[in-house]
Protein backbone atom coordinates (compact mmCIF):
# COMPACT_ATOMS: atom_id res chain seq x y z
CA MET A 1 66.36 37.27 281.76
CA ILE A 2 63.63 36.50 284.38
CA PRO A 3 60.92 35.50 281.45
CA ASP A 4 63.26 32.99 280.19
CA LEU A 5 64.11 31.54 283.56
CA ILE A 6 60.30 31.26 284.37
CA ASN A 7 59.83 29.46 280.92
CA LYS A 8 62.75 27.21 281.57
CA LEU A 9 61.13 26.29 284.91
CA TYR A 10 57.94 25.40 283.32
CA GLU A 11 59.56 23.32 280.57
CA ASN A 12 61.38 21.22 283.29
CA GLY A 13 58.13 20.69 285.08
CA LEU A 14 59.00 22.73 288.26
CA ILE A 15 56.00 24.78 287.81
CA SER A 16 52.51 23.86 286.69
CA LYS A 17 50.84 25.51 283.80
CA LYS A 18 48.51 27.45 286.05
CA ASP A 19 51.64 28.85 288.13
CA PHE A 20 53.30 29.65 284.76
CA GLU A 21 50.46 31.60 283.60
CA SER A 22 50.16 33.43 287.11
CA LEU A 23 53.91 34.40 286.65
CA SER A 24 53.63 35.77 283.16
CA PRO A 25 54.07 38.65 283.40
CA LEU A 26 56.05 38.37 286.72
CA LYS A 27 53.93 40.52 289.42
CA LYS A 28 56.02 41.27 292.47
CA ASP A 29 57.09 44.31 294.24
CA TYR A 30 60.67 46.30 293.54
CA ASP A 31 61.73 45.37 297.14
CA LYS A 32 60.84 41.45 296.75
CA LYS A 33 63.70 39.48 295.60
CA LEU A 34 62.76 36.97 292.98
CA GLY A 35 64.21 33.71 294.68
CA ASN A 36 62.44 34.73 297.79
CA PHE A 37 59.15 35.56 296.04
CA LEU A 38 59.25 32.15 294.27
CA VAL A 39 59.39 30.26 297.56
CA ASP A 40 57.18 32.50 299.74
CA GLU A 41 54.50 32.17 297.17
CA GLY A 42 54.72 28.47 297.21
CA TYR A 43 55.86 28.02 293.62
CA LEU A 44 59.20 26.16 294.34
CA THR A 45 61.27 25.24 297.27
CA LYS A 46 64.80 26.34 297.60
CA GLN A 47 66.03 22.79 297.06
CA ASP A 48 64.12 22.85 293.77
CA LEU A 49 66.18 26.03 292.90
CA LYS A 50 69.41 24.52 293.92
CA ASN A 51 68.83 21.54 291.64
CA PHE A 52 67.83 23.66 288.80
CA SER A 53 70.73 25.74 289.05
CA ILE A 54 73.01 22.75 288.87
CA GLU A 55 71.22 20.95 286.05
CA ASN A 56 70.73 23.88 283.75
CA GLN A 57 74.32 25.70 284.17
CA ASP A 58 74.94 25.91 280.26
CA PHE A 59 71.52 27.02 279.59
CA LEU A 60 71.72 29.76 282.27
CA PHE A 61 75.12 30.69 280.98
CA GLY A 62 73.75 31.32 277.43
CA LEU A 63 71.05 33.89 278.61
CA PHE A 64 73.62 35.52 281.11
CA ASP A 65 76.25 36.02 278.39
CA GLY A 66 73.80 36.94 275.74
CA TRP A 67 72.47 39.78 277.73
CA LEU A 68 75.93 41.07 278.53
CA ASN A 69 76.84 40.99 274.85
CA LYS A 70 73.60 43.09 274.33
CA TYR A 71 74.95 45.55 276.83
CA SER A 72 78.37 45.71 275.63
CA ASN A 73 79.00 49.09 277.69
CA LEU A 74 78.51 46.93 280.86
CA SER A 75 80.49 44.03 279.66
CA ASN A 76 83.52 46.24 278.98
CA ALA A 77 83.26 47.92 282.24
CA ILE A 78 83.56 44.50 283.99
CA ILE A 79 87.19 44.45 284.56
CA TRP A 80 89.44 41.93 286.52
CA ARG A 81 93.10 42.83 286.90
CA VAL A 82 95.52 40.05 286.52
CA ASN A 83 99.20 39.25 287.01
CA ASP A 84 101.48 40.32 284.23
CA SER A 85 104.77 41.69 285.67
CA LYS A 86 106.21 42.36 282.41
CA LYS A 87 103.83 44.96 281.16
CA TYR A 88 101.44 45.75 284.08
CA PRO A 89 102.88 45.68 287.43
CA ASN A 90 99.48 46.71 288.93
CA GLY A 91 97.66 44.06 287.03
CA VAL A 92 96.39 43.55 283.31
CA PRO A 93 92.92 45.24 282.90
CA GLN A 94 91.09 42.37 281.38
CA ASN A 95 87.56 42.86 280.74
CA TYR A 96 84.93 40.22 280.75
CA ASN A 97 84.93 39.66 277.04
CA LEU A 98 88.59 38.49 277.41
CA TRP A 99 87.92 36.27 280.34
CA SER A 100 88.29 32.50 279.89
CA ASP A 101 85.14 30.39 279.56
CA ASP A 102 85.64 29.08 283.24
CA LYS A 103 85.58 32.72 284.74
CA LYS A 104 82.55 33.66 282.71
CA MET A 105 80.71 30.79 283.89
CA GLU A 106 81.71 31.37 287.45
CA LEU A 107 80.30 34.82 287.11
CA SER A 108 77.10 33.53 285.50
CA THR A 109 76.64 30.80 288.22
CA THR A 110 77.22 33.45 290.93
CA PHE A 111 74.60 35.83 289.21
CA TRP A 112 72.04 33.15 288.81
CA ASN A 113 72.31 31.79 292.23
CA SER A 114 72.08 35.30 293.88
CA LEU A 115 68.86 35.92 291.58
CA MET A 116 67.31 32.88 292.89
CA ASP A 117 68.51 33.67 296.72
CA ILE A 118 70.44 30.37 296.98
CA LEU A 119 73.91 31.87 296.99
CA GLN A 120 76.13 31.03 299.96
CA GLY A 121 76.98 34.16 301.72
CA LEU A 122 80.38 35.67 302.08
CA ASN A 123 82.07 36.22 305.53
CA GLU A 124 81.31 39.48 306.99
CA ALA A 125 84.89 40.36 306.59
CA PRO A 126 87.64 38.65 304.28
CA ASN A 127 90.60 37.14 305.74
CA SER A 128 93.19 39.79 305.33
CA ILE A 129 96.98 40.57 305.89
CA ILE A 130 97.86 43.99 307.15
CA ASN A 131 100.36 46.21 305.40
CA LEU A 132 101.85 48.98 307.60
CA SER A 133 103.30 52.06 306.62
CA ASP A 134 106.73 53.26 308.00
CA ASP A 135 105.08 54.83 311.09
CA GLY A 136 103.03 51.80 312.03
CA LYS A 137 99.86 52.83 310.79
CA VAL A 138 97.87 50.54 308.45
CA TYR A 139 98.50 51.38 304.76
CA SER A 140 96.47 48.73 303.29
CA THR A 141 94.14 45.95 303.99
CA ASP A 142 95.41 43.24 301.73
CA LEU A 143 93.29 40.31 300.15
CA LYS A 144 94.92 37.11 298.82
CA PRO A 145 94.00 36.67 294.92
CA ASP A 146 91.59 33.90 295.45
CA ASP A 147 89.67 35.80 298.32
CA ALA A 148 89.81 38.93 296.26
CA TRP A 149 88.25 37.38 293.28
CA ASN A 150 85.42 35.73 295.32
CA TYR A 151 84.46 39.15 296.88
CA TYR A 152 84.73 40.90 293.59
CA LEU A 153 82.76 38.23 291.61
CA THR A 154 79.97 38.26 294.36
CA HIS A 155 79.62 42.01 294.22
CA VAL A 156 79.65 42.19 290.34
CA ALA A 157 77.00 39.45 290.43
CA HIS A 158 75.13 41.43 293.12
CA SER A 159 74.93 44.59 291.13
CA ILE A 160 73.89 42.83 287.95
CA ARG A 161 71.05 40.97 289.82
CA VAL A 162 69.84 44.37 291.44
CA GLU A 163 69.51 45.60 287.73
CA ILE A 164 67.79 42.51 286.59
CA ASP A 165 65.51 41.96 289.51
CA ARG A 166 64.58 45.69 289.62
CA LEU A 167 65.40 46.09 293.21
CA VAL A 168 65.93 49.55 292.86
CA HIS A 169 64.13 52.22 290.72
CA TRP A 170 67.13 53.31 288.75
CA SER A 171 68.98 51.35 285.89
CA ILE A 172 72.92 51.10 285.10
CA SER A 173 71.85 50.76 281.55
CA ARG A 174 71.79 54.54 281.55
CA TYR A 175 75.15 54.92 283.28
CA ASN A 176 78.16 56.31 281.33
CA PRO A 177 81.37 54.52 281.35
CA SER A 178 82.86 56.21 284.13
CA GLN A 179 80.02 55.45 286.45
CA LEU A 180 79.97 51.93 285.22
CA GLU A 181 83.87 51.95 285.98
CA PHE A 182 83.34 52.95 289.36
CA LEU A 183 80.93 50.04 289.98
CA PHE A 184 82.69 47.10 287.99
CA ASP A 185 86.44 47.77 287.68
CA SER A 186 88.13 45.60 290.33
CA ARG A 187 90.53 48.57 290.71
CA THR A 188 87.65 50.48 292.51
CA PHE A 189 87.71 47.69 294.96
CA PHE A 190 91.43 47.08 295.43
CA GLU A 191 94.56 47.74 293.65
CA TYR A 192 96.73 44.75 292.43
CA PHE A 193 100.22 44.61 293.60
CA GLU A 194 102.47 42.01 291.82
CA SER A 195 105.46 42.34 294.10
CA ARG A 196 103.32 40.78 296.90
CA ASN A 197 100.73 38.95 294.76
CA VAL A 198 97.82 40.85 296.88
CA TYR A 199 94.95 42.94 296.32
CA SER A 200 95.05 45.88 298.40
CA ILE A 201 92.21 48.23 299.86
CA LEU A 202 94.05 51.54 300.25
CA ARG A 203 92.94 54.39 302.51
CA TRP A 204 94.65 57.02 300.31
CA ASP A 205 97.49 57.21 298.00
CA GLU A 206 98.50 60.04 295.93
CA SER A 207 99.01 58.11 292.70
CA LEU A 208 96.57 55.23 293.06
CA PHE A 209 93.06 54.63 293.26
CA ASN A 210 91.71 55.59 296.66
CA HIS A 211 89.00 53.14 298.50
CA GLY A 212 88.87 54.80 301.96
CA SER A 213 89.02 53.08 305.36
CA ALA A 214 86.55 50.16 305.03
CA THR A 215 86.53 46.68 304.19
CA MET A 216 83.54 45.06 301.94
CA GLY A 217 81.34 42.34 303.45
CA ASP A 218 78.68 40.27 301.84
CA PRO A 219 76.65 42.51 299.26
CA VAL A 220 73.41 40.72 299.88
CA ARG A 221 73.30 41.42 303.63
CA THR A 222 74.48 44.81 303.04
CA TYR A 223 71.53 45.41 300.56
CA ASP A 224 69.06 43.56 303.14
CA PHE A 225 70.35 45.73 305.86
CA LEU A 226 69.54 48.95 303.41
CA ASP A 227 66.07 47.67 302.72
CA LYS A 228 65.08 46.47 306.13
CA GLU A 229 65.96 49.91 307.49
CA LYS A 230 63.91 51.55 304.49
CA LEU A 231 67.01 53.48 303.38
CA ILE A 232 66.50 52.79 299.52
CA GLY A 233 64.18 55.33 298.07
CA ILE A 234 62.52 55.99 294.79
CA THR A 235 65.47 58.02 293.43
CA ARG A 236 69.35 57.85 293.87
CA TRP A 237 69.23 61.44 295.41
CA GLY A 238 66.56 60.65 297.87
CA THR A 239 68.36 57.34 298.70
CA VAL A 240 71.80 59.12 299.62
CA GLY A 241 69.67 61.67 301.76
CA ARG A 242 68.10 58.73 303.83
CA PHE A 243 71.50 56.93 304.13
CA LEU A 244 73.29 60.19 305.20
CA GLY A 245 70.40 60.55 307.80
CA TRP A 246 71.43 57.21 309.15
CA CYS A 247 74.84 58.08 309.33
CA ARG A 248 73.82 61.30 311.20
CA ASP A 249 72.06 59.31 313.79
CA GLU A 250 74.18 56.38 314.27
CA LEU A 251 77.86 56.88 313.29
CA ASN A 252 80.37 57.94 315.88
CA HIS A 253 84.03 58.92 315.04
CA PHE A 254 86.62 56.42 316.42
CA ASN A 255 89.20 57.67 318.84
CA GLY A 256 93.04 56.88 318.33
CA GLU A 257 95.30 56.27 315.38
CA ASP A 258 94.96 54.29 312.30
CA THR A 259 96.73 51.03 313.93
CA PRO A 260 96.02 47.51 313.87
CA GLU A 261 95.75 47.46 317.73
CA ASN A 262 93.25 50.52 317.56
CA TYR A 263 91.07 48.93 315.06
CA GLN A 264 91.08 45.51 316.72
CA LYS A 265 89.50 47.45 319.75
CA HIS A 266 87.11 49.18 317.75
CA TRP A 267 85.83 46.66 314.99
CA GLN A 268 87.59 43.40 316.35
CA TYR A 269 89.47 43.36 313.08
CA GLN A 270 93.08 44.68 312.37
CA GLY A 271 92.32 45.97 308.71
CA TYR A 272 90.05 48.69 307.93
CA PRO A 273 86.55 48.52 309.48
CA PRO A 274 84.33 46.01 307.92
CA VAL A 275 81.11 47.66 306.78
CA GLU A 276 78.82 45.08 308.51
CA ARG A 277 80.34 45.60 311.81
CA ILE A 278 79.83 49.45 311.28
CA PHE A 279 75.94 48.46 310.62
CA SER A 280 75.78 46.11 313.58
CA GLY A 281 77.73 48.25 316.02
CA THR A 282 80.74 46.69 317.89
CA ASN A 283 81.91 46.99 321.61
CA HIS A 284 85.10 48.90 322.62
CA PRO A 285 86.66 47.83 325.79
CA ASP A 286 86.63 51.33 327.13
CA MET A 287 84.01 53.31 325.27
CA GLY A 288 81.31 50.61 324.88
CA PHE A 289 78.98 49.78 322.29
CA GLN A 290 78.84 52.29 319.01
CA HIS A 291 78.39 52.31 315.62
CA TYR A 292 82.14 53.57 315.07
CA THR A 293 83.58 54.93 311.92
CA ALA A 294 87.22 55.49 310.96
CA GLY A 295 87.04 59.27 310.63
CA CYS A 296 86.36 60.92 307.21
CA PHE A 297 88.43 58.14 305.26
CA GLY A 298 86.40 55.49 306.87
CA THR A 299 83.00 57.19 306.28
CA THR A 300 83.80 57.84 302.85
CA GLY A 301 85.10 54.23 302.25
CA PHE A 302 81.74 53.16 304.12
CA LEU A 303 79.56 55.08 301.74
CA ARG A 304 81.44 53.84 298.76
CA THR A 305 81.21 50.17 299.61
CA VAL A 306 77.45 50.35 301.03
CA LEU A 307 76.09 52.53 298.21
CA ARG A 308 77.73 50.24 295.68
CA THR A 309 75.34 47.31 296.63
CA ILE A 310 72.33 49.52 295.45
CA ASN A 311 74.39 50.66 292.12
CA ILE A 312 75.25 54.16 293.50
CA PRO A 313 78.81 55.15 292.35
CA VAL A 314 80.83 57.07 295.07
CA LEU A 315 84.41 58.23 294.80
CA LEU A 316 86.75 59.60 297.28
CA GLU A 317 88.34 63.14 296.97
CA GLU A 318 91.04 64.15 299.31
CA ARG A 319 91.70 67.60 300.18
CA CYS A 320 94.15 68.85 303.12
CA GLY A 321 94.71 65.40 304.39
CA HIS A 322 90.72 64.75 304.69
CA ALA A 323 88.53 62.70 302.73
CA MET A 324 85.23 63.77 300.87
CA PRO A 325 82.70 61.60 299.36
CA HIS A 326 81.86 62.30 295.57
CA PHE A 327 78.72 61.14 294.48
CA ALA A 328 78.92 60.58 290.60
CA TYR A 329 75.83 61.03 288.88
CA ASP A 330 76.98 62.12 285.44
CA LYS A 331 78.94 64.80 283.76
CA THR A 332 76.81 67.59 284.54
CA HIS A 333 75.45 66.36 287.83
CA GLU A 334 78.26 65.62 290.63
CA PHE A 335 77.65 66.29 294.21
CA TYR A 336 79.86 66.14 297.31
CA LEU A 337 80.09 66.54 301.05
CA SER A 338 82.67 69.27 302.16
CA HIS A 339 84.17 66.47 304.61
CA GLY A 340 83.50 62.87 305.33
CA ASP A 341 82.85 63.79 308.87
CA ASP A 342 80.01 66.13 308.20
CA PRO A 343 76.72 63.93 308.69
CA TYR A 344 77.82 63.19 312.55
CA ASN A 345 79.36 66.53 313.31
CA SER A 346 79.24 66.81 317.03
CA LEU A 347 77.40 69.87 316.83
CA TYR A 348 74.13 67.82 315.67
CA LYS A 349 74.68 64.42 317.80
CA HIS A 350 72.51 65.35 320.84
CA ASN A 351 69.54 67.41 321.84
CA THR A 352 69.42 69.47 318.61
CA PRO A 353 67.00 70.40 315.68
CA LYS A 354 67.87 67.59 313.11
CA PHE A 355 68.81 69.11 309.69
CA ILE A 356 67.72 67.65 306.48
CA PRO A 357 70.56 65.15 305.58
CA LEU A 358 70.59 66.53 301.77
CA GLU A 359 71.32 69.93 302.95
CA LEU A 360 74.89 68.73 303.44
CA ILE A 361 75.28 68.07 299.71
CA ILE A 362 77.11 70.69 297.67
CA ASP A 363 77.30 70.85 293.88
CA HIS A 364 80.37 70.62 291.76
CA TYR A 365 80.18 74.52 291.42
CA LYS A 366 80.56 74.94 295.24
CA PHE A 367 83.04 72.25 295.29
CA ASP A 368 85.25 73.76 292.81
CA GLU A 369 84.85 77.32 294.39
CA TRP A 370 85.96 75.67 297.87
CA PHE A 371 88.53 73.07 296.86
CA ASN A 372 89.80 73.87 293.33
CA ALA A 373 93.58 72.79 293.27
CA ASN A 374 94.58 76.12 292.24
CA LEU A 375 93.38 77.66 295.59
CA PRO A 376 95.80 78.49 298.24
CA ASP A 377 96.43 75.62 300.82
CA LYS A 378 95.02 77.41 303.76
CA VAL A 379 91.86 78.31 301.67
CA ILE A 380 91.24 74.81 300.78
CA CYS A 381 92.09 73.63 304.43
CA ASN A 382 89.65 76.26 305.80
CA ASN A 383 86.81 75.14 303.70
CA VAL A 384 86.97 71.33 304.79
CA GLY A 385 83.73 70.87 306.95
CA ARG A 386 82.31 74.19 306.08
CA ARG A 387 78.75 72.92 304.79
CA ALA A 388 78.13 71.49 308.39
CA LEU A 389 79.19 74.89 310.01
CA GLU A 390 77.00 76.90 307.58
CA LEU A 391 74.14 74.44 308.61
CA ALA A 392 74.88 75.29 312.32
CA VAL A 393 74.74 78.99 311.55
CA GLU A 394 71.27 78.43 309.76
CA TYR A 395 69.69 75.93 312.44
CA ILE A 396 71.43 77.03 315.61
CA PRO A 397 71.77 73.59 317.30
CA ASN A 398 71.75 73.25 321.22
CA GLU A 399 75.59 72.95 321.23
CA ILE A 400 76.01 76.09 319.88
CA LEU A 401 73.61 77.78 322.24
CA LYS A 402 75.62 76.13 324.85
CA LEU A 403 78.68 78.02 323.92
CA TYR A 404 76.81 81.26 323.38
CA CYS A 405 75.76 81.17 326.96
CA GLU A 406 79.14 80.33 328.22
CA ASP A 407 80.37 83.11 326.37
CA VAL A 408 77.67 85.54 328.00
CA SER A 409 78.25 84.36 331.27
CA LYS A 410 81.92 85.11 331.18
CA GLY A 411 81.42 88.43 329.43
CA LYS A 412 82.91 87.50 326.24
CA THR A 413 82.39 89.30 323.09
CA GLU A 414 81.92 88.06 319.46
CA VAL A 415 85.43 88.51 318.63
CA ASN A 416 86.88 86.85 321.83
CA GLY A 417 84.37 84.31 322.52
CA LYS A 418 84.38 80.45 322.14
CA ILE A 419 81.78 80.52 319.57
CA TYR A 420 83.81 82.45 317.12
CA ASN A 421 87.39 81.11 318.06
CA GLU A 422 86.64 77.67 318.55
CA ILE A 423 84.01 76.74 315.91
CA PHE A 424 83.85 79.46 313.01
CA ARG A 425 87.05 81.14 312.83
CA ASP A 426 89.02 79.00 310.42
CA HIS A 427 85.86 78.40 308.33
CA ILE A 428 83.43 81.36 308.17
CA PRO A 429 84.66 84.97 308.65
CA LEU A 430 83.46 87.06 311.43
CA VAL A 431 82.05 89.51 309.00
CA GLU A 432 79.96 86.93 307.12
CA LEU A 433 78.59 85.81 310.75
CA LYS A 434 77.67 89.37 311.49
CA ALA A 435 76.11 90.00 308.22
CA PHE A 436 73.88 87.13 308.84
CA GLY A 437 72.84 88.67 312.14
CA PHE A 438 74.28 85.48 313.79
CA TRP A 439 74.65 86.68 317.62
CA ASP A 440 71.12 88.59 317.35
CA ARG A 441 69.62 85.08 316.19
CA LEU A 442 71.44 83.41 319.29
CA LYS A 443 70.07 85.78 321.46
CA ASN A 444 66.49 85.39 320.29
CA LYS A 445 66.52 81.95 320.17
CA THR A 446 67.99 81.58 323.58
CA GLU A 447 65.35 83.70 325.06
CA SER A 448 62.64 81.73 323.17
CA LEU A 449 63.67 78.61 324.78
CA GLY A 450 63.69 79.94 328.47
CA GLY A 451 67.08 81.65 328.61
CA CYS A 452 70.54 80.46 329.29
CA GLU A 453 69.56 78.75 332.58
CA TYR A 454 67.46 76.46 330.80
CA ILE A 455 69.96 76.08 327.83
CA LEU A 456 72.92 75.07 330.00
CA LYS A 457 70.73 71.91 331.45
CA LEU A 458 70.20 70.69 327.95
């Protein structure tokens, strides 16, 4: 579509023949957005692009609609759920091909304005209605239909823009239907409830799609944050690793319950935490400034919402009352965290050797071994967060050394000491720790660092 756009700009006399020749073929870096490139290099002004967009809507729609028709797997995946209480209480799943011409045109215009970097930004968090469960906790963050449509439309347009503008090195054209569904079906953004005529972001519900505790913001600004922080790699795998590294270094688990009042204190928003406020950080009246996240459900929702803006689909898995991110690559390559809180496990936050973030990832074989629904509940619960503890055994962070020295100073044994009883007992059997020579390694590392007198000062 970009060559057709350049041709039309030339035909309309907005760029000279010399400029047209220099833009054919287009030479720009992956991380340079088209609209900014055209303006920064002096080909056009923002006002030129705004005028062009208004005057050429029909032409641009023809290009956009033709491209989507060519990629029917994508047009079939773009699904907006609309009201039909007689047959679909949670909204009719209506794909792009069945949309009205007005809705199609609206998506086209949003896409082109995004591509040309003249799109008006969304609020960092939508206006919302809070729906509470019987115990006073937030059950869902509800959006009115017009707001939900606006945020959905902008995210879909942005995802297509990322593909067309080649802002990442991977392509949704090779995604399977399930991966596309997780990016483009409105149900993966929010569930529609006909009884209240709202679109609800759900932390977790046993029978509905689970979004996690995070509220979407503007996808362009979210993408720009990832780009500025150099969190977008050459591969999806490397990008996930970079982003988990940011989570490890910056995120902090919130305190208290999932109530509107507590959310207000942490994020100055009574619904689920806005992702842009997690990025920028917020001030809590008692705990000060931090990049707070609403626990494992919040972090999983955060990962889902943020990585969506660079076309990496993420799901939420629930086990034993906890959330786990599920990175949906394809049918043979599925990856997970053993707990949404794993990246910022307290063992790793301060004065400790930093693990490689991708080491937190487990594959679908390990996930099935630890979390298969047929396993006893106790086994499943004990495996929540296990991977972070395995890394603690391997790397021996400073917080573990401190506990070891406390045990030594109090004459505690391997069996009755804090290390085993407070950290590992419910997750890794004592026999496995001994077989790995864990206490010998604790002793050796402590001595190599100058002994417990030094360790306890860290």
